[in-house]
Amino acid sequence: MSYSELNNGVKIPNIGIGTYLIKPVDAERSVRQALEMGYRLIDTAHVYSNEKAVGRAIKASGVKREEIF
């Protein structure tokens, strides 16, 4: 996976998963699978109405929150 370095030295993945217009049940499954595949960038927002499902997927993945953008 390729990364871009921010001004503060933090490297952020260039590719992520988006959750806009995805039903919560599908968002949870998709995010969990993406994290298992190595994704660490998740585009989510309160207005997407699936943030709880995304949170459950992150928790279930076992990936440290500090590793996810």
N, C-alpha and C. Protein backbone atom coordinates (compact mmCIF):
# COMPACT_ATOMS: atom_id res chain seq x y z
N MET A 1 0.85 -1.18 0.00
CA MET A 1 0.00 0.00 0.00
C MET A 1 0.89 1.24 0.00
N SER A 2 0.48 2.25 -0.70
CA SER A 2 1.26 3.48 -0.76
C SER A 2 0.74 4.49 0.26
N TYR A 3 1.64 5.35 0.70
CA TYR A 3 1.33 6.33 1.74
C TYR A 3 1.78 7.72 1.31
N SER A 4 1.18 8.72 1.92
CA SER A 4 1.63 10.10 1.78
C SER A 4 2.04 10.58 3.16
N GLU A 5 3.13 11.33 3.21
CA GLU A 5 3.60 11.84 4.49
C GLU A 5 3.05 13.24 4.73
N LEU A 6 2.45 13.43 5.89
CA LEU A 6 1.92 14.73 6.28
C LEU A 6 3.05 15.62 6.79
N ASN A 7 2.79 16.89 6.96
CA ASN A 7 3.81 17.84 7.44
C ASN A 7 4.38 17.46 8.80
N ASN A 8 3.58 16.76 9.62
CA ASN A 8 4.05 16.38 10.95
C ASN A 8 4.78 15.03 10.94
N GLY A 9 4.99 14.46 9.76
CA GLY A 9 5.72 13.21 9.65
C GLY A 9 4.86 11.96 9.68
N VAL A 10 3.59 12.10 9.99
CA VAL A 10 2.68 10.96 10.02
C VAL A 10 2.41 10.50 8.59
N LYS A 11 2.44 9.20 8.37
CA LYS A 11 2.15 8.66 7.05
C LYS A 11 0.70 8.17 7.03
N ILE A 12 -0.04 8.60 6.01
CA ILE A 12 -1.45 8.25 5.87
C ILE A 12 -1.62 7.46 4.57
N PRO A 13 -2.43 6.39 4.61
CA PRO A 13 -2.63 5.60 3.40
C PRO A 13 -3.26 6.43 2.28
N ASN A 14 -2.87 6.15 1.05
CA ASN A 14 -3.45 6.84 -0.11
C ASN A 14 -4.79 6.25 -0.52
N ILE A 15 -5.06 5.03 -0.10
CA ILE A 15 -6.31 4.36 -0.47
C ILE A 15 -7.07 4.00 0.80
N GLY A 16 -8.37 4.26 0.78
CA GLY A 16 -9.21 3.92 1.92
C GLY A 16 -10.55 3.38 1.46
N ILE A 17 -11.41 3.13 2.42
CA ILE A 17 -12.76 2.66 2.13
C ILE A 17 -13.75 3.76 2.50
N GLY A 18 -14.71 3.99 1.63
CA GLY A 18 -15.75 4.97 1.88
C GLY A 18 -17.02 4.29 2.37
N THR A 19 -17.78 4.97 3.21
CA THR A 19 -18.99 4.37 3.76
C THR A 19 -20.24 5.18 3.45
N TYR A 20 -20.15 6.13 2.55
CA TYR A 20 -21.30 6.96 2.19
C TYR A 20 -22.34 6.13 1.44
N LEU A 21 -23.61 6.29 1.82
CA LEU A 21 -24.75 5.60 1.21
C LEU A 21 -24.71 4.08 1.36
N ILE A 22 -24.03 3.60 2.39
CA ILE A 22 -24.01 2.16 2.68
C ILE A 22 -24.85 1.92 3.92
N LYS A 23 -25.77 0.96 3.85
CA LYS A 23 -26.61 0.61 4.99
C LYS A 23 -25.71 0.14 6.13
N PRO A 24 -26.13 0.40 7.38
CA PRO A 24 -25.29 0.02 8.52
C PRO A 24 -24.81 -1.44 8.50
N VAL A 25 -25.69 -2.37 8.21
CA VAL A 25 -25.28 -3.78 8.21
C VAL A 25 -24.21 -4.04 7.16
N ASP A 26 -24.33 -3.40 6.01
CA ASP A 26 -23.32 -3.57 4.96
C ASP A 26 -22.04 -2.82 5.29
N ALA A 27 -22.17 -1.66 5.92
CA ALA A 27 -20.99 -0.89 6.31
C ALA A 27 -20.16 -1.66 7.32
N GLU A 28 -20.82 -2.28 8.29
CA GLU A 28 -20.09 -3.04 9.31
C GLU A 28 -19.31 -4.18 8.66
N ARG A 29 -19.95 -4.93 7.79
CA ARG A 29 -19.29 -6.05 7.12
C ARG A 29 -18.15 -5.56 6.23
N SER A 30 -18.41 -4.53 5.44
CA SER A 30 -17.40 -4.02 4.50
C SER A 30 -16.18 -3.46 5.22
N VAL A 31 -16.41 -2.70 6.28
CA VAL A 31 -15.29 -2.11 7.02
C VAL A 31 -14.48 -3.20 7.71
N ARG A 32 -15.16 -4.18 8.29
CA ARG A 32 -14.45 -5.29 8.94
C ARG A 32 -13.57 -6.01 7.92
N GLN A 33 -14.11 -6.31 6.76
CA GLN A 33 -13.34 -6.99 5.72
C GLN A 33 -12.18 -6.13 5.22
N ALA A 34 -12.43 -4.84 5.05
CA ALA A 34 -11.37 -3.94 4.60
C ALA A 34 -10.22 -3.89 5.60
N LEU A 35 -10.55 -3.83 6.89
CA LEU A 35 -9.51 -3.81 7.91
C LEU A 35 -8.73 -5.12 7.91
N GLU A 36 -9.41 -6.24 7.70
CA GLU A 36 -8.73 -7.53 7.63
C GLU A 36 -7.77 -7.57 6.44
N MET A 37 -8.11 -6.87 5.37
CA MET A 37 -7.28 -6.84 4.16
C MET A 37 -6.14 -5.83 4.26
N GLY A 38 -6.11 -5.03 5.33
CA GLY A 38 -5.01 -4.09 5.52
C GLY A 38 -5.36 -2.63 5.36
N TYR A 39 -6.61 -2.32 5.02
CA TYR A 39 -7.01 -0.92 4.93
C TYR A 39 -6.89 -0.27 6.31
N ARG A 40 -6.47 1.00 6.31
CA ARG A 40 -6.38 1.74 7.57
C ARG A 40 -6.96 3.15 7.45
N LEU A 41 -7.57 3.46 6.31
CA LEU A 41 -8.21 4.76 6.09
C LEU A 41 -9.69 4.52 5.83
N ILE A 42 -10.54 5.08 6.71
CA ILE A 42 -11.98 4.92 6.59
C ILE A 42 -12.63 6.29 6.49
N ASP A 43 -13.37 6.50 5.41
CA ASP A 43 -14.14 7.74 5.26
C ASP A 43 -15.52 7.51 5.84
N THR A 44 -15.82 8.19 6.93
CA THR A 44 -17.13 8.09 7.56
C THR A 44 -17.50 9.44 8.14
N ALA A 45 -18.78 9.63 8.39
CA ALA A 45 -19.27 10.88 8.96
C ALA A 45 -20.61 10.63 9.62
N HIS A 46 -20.93 11.46 10.58
CA HIS A 46 -22.21 11.33 11.29
C HIS A 46 -23.39 11.36 10.32
N VAL A 47 -23.33 12.19 9.31
CA VAL A 47 -24.45 12.32 8.37
C VAL A 47 -24.65 11.07 7.52
N TYR A 48 -23.69 10.15 7.51
CA TYR A 48 -23.86 8.91 6.76
C TYR A 48 -24.82 7.95 7.47
N SER A 49 -25.06 8.19 8.76
CA SER A 49 -25.98 7.38 9.59
C SER A 49 -25.56 5.92 9.72
N ASN A 50 -24.28 5.66 9.65
CA ASN A 50 -23.80 4.30 9.85
C ASN A 50 -22.55 4.26 10.75
N GLU A 51 -22.31 5.35 11.46
CA GLU A 51 -21.08 5.44 12.25
C GLU A 51 -21.02 4.42 13.38
N LYS A 52 -22.17 4.03 13.94
CA LYS A 52 -22.15 3.00 14.99
C LYS A 52 -21.70 1.66 14.42
N ALA A 53 -22.17 1.35 13.23
CA ALA A 53 -21.77 0.10 12.57
C ALA A 53 -20.28 0.12 12.24
N VAL A 54 -19.78 1.25 11.80
CA VAL A 54 -18.35 1.39 11.52
C VAL A 54 -17.56 1.19 12.81
N GLY A 55 -18.03 1.76 13.89
CA GLY A 55 -17.38 1.60 15.19
C GLY A 55 -17.34 0.14 15.64
N ARG A 56 -18.44 -0.56 15.44
CA ARG A 56 -18.49 -1.99 15.80
C ARG A 56 -17.46 -2.78 14.98
N ALA A 57 -17.36 -2.45 13.70
CA ALA A 57 -16.41 -3.14 12.84
C ALA A 57 -14.97 -2.89 13.29
N ILE A 58 -14.68 -1.65 13.64
CA ILE A 58 -13.33 -1.32 14.12
C ILE A 58 -13.04 -2.10 15.40
N LYS A 59 -13.98 -2.11 16.32
CA LYS A 59 -13.79 -2.82 17.59
C LYS A 59 -13.59 -4.31 17.35
N ALA A 60 -14.41 -4.90 16.49
CA ALA A 60 -14.33 -6.33 16.22
C ALA A 60 -13.05 -6.72 15.48
N SER A 61 -12.46 -5.77 14.76
CA SER A 61 -11.28 -6.08 13.95
C SER A 61 -10.04 -6.36 14.78
N GLY A 62 -9.98 -5.77 15.97
CA GLY A 62 -8.79 -5.92 16.79
C GLY A 62 -7.67 -4.98 16.40
N VAL A 63 -7.88 -4.18 15.36
CA VAL A 63 -6.87 -3.19 14.94
C VAL A 63 -6.90 -2.04 15.94
N LYS A 64 -5.73 -1.60 16.37
CA LYS A 64 -5.66 -0.49 17.31
C LYS A 64 -6.23 0.78 16.67
N ARG A 65 -7.02 1.50 17.42
CA ARG A 65 -7.65 2.72 16.92
C ARG A 65 -6.61 3.72 16.42
N GLU A 66 -5.45 3.77 17.07
CA GLU A 66 -4.40 4.70 16.69
C GLU A 66 -3.85 4.42 15.29
N GLU A 67 -4.09 3.22 14.77
CA GLU A 67 -3.59 2.84 13.46
C GLU A 67 -4.56 3.19 12.33
N ILE A 68 -5.75 3.68 12.69
CA ILE A 68 -6.80 3.92 11.70
C ILE A 68 -7.01 5.42 11.51
N PHE A 69 -7.12 5.82 10.26
CA PHE A 69 -7.41 7.21 9.92
C PHE A 69 -8.85 7.31 9.48
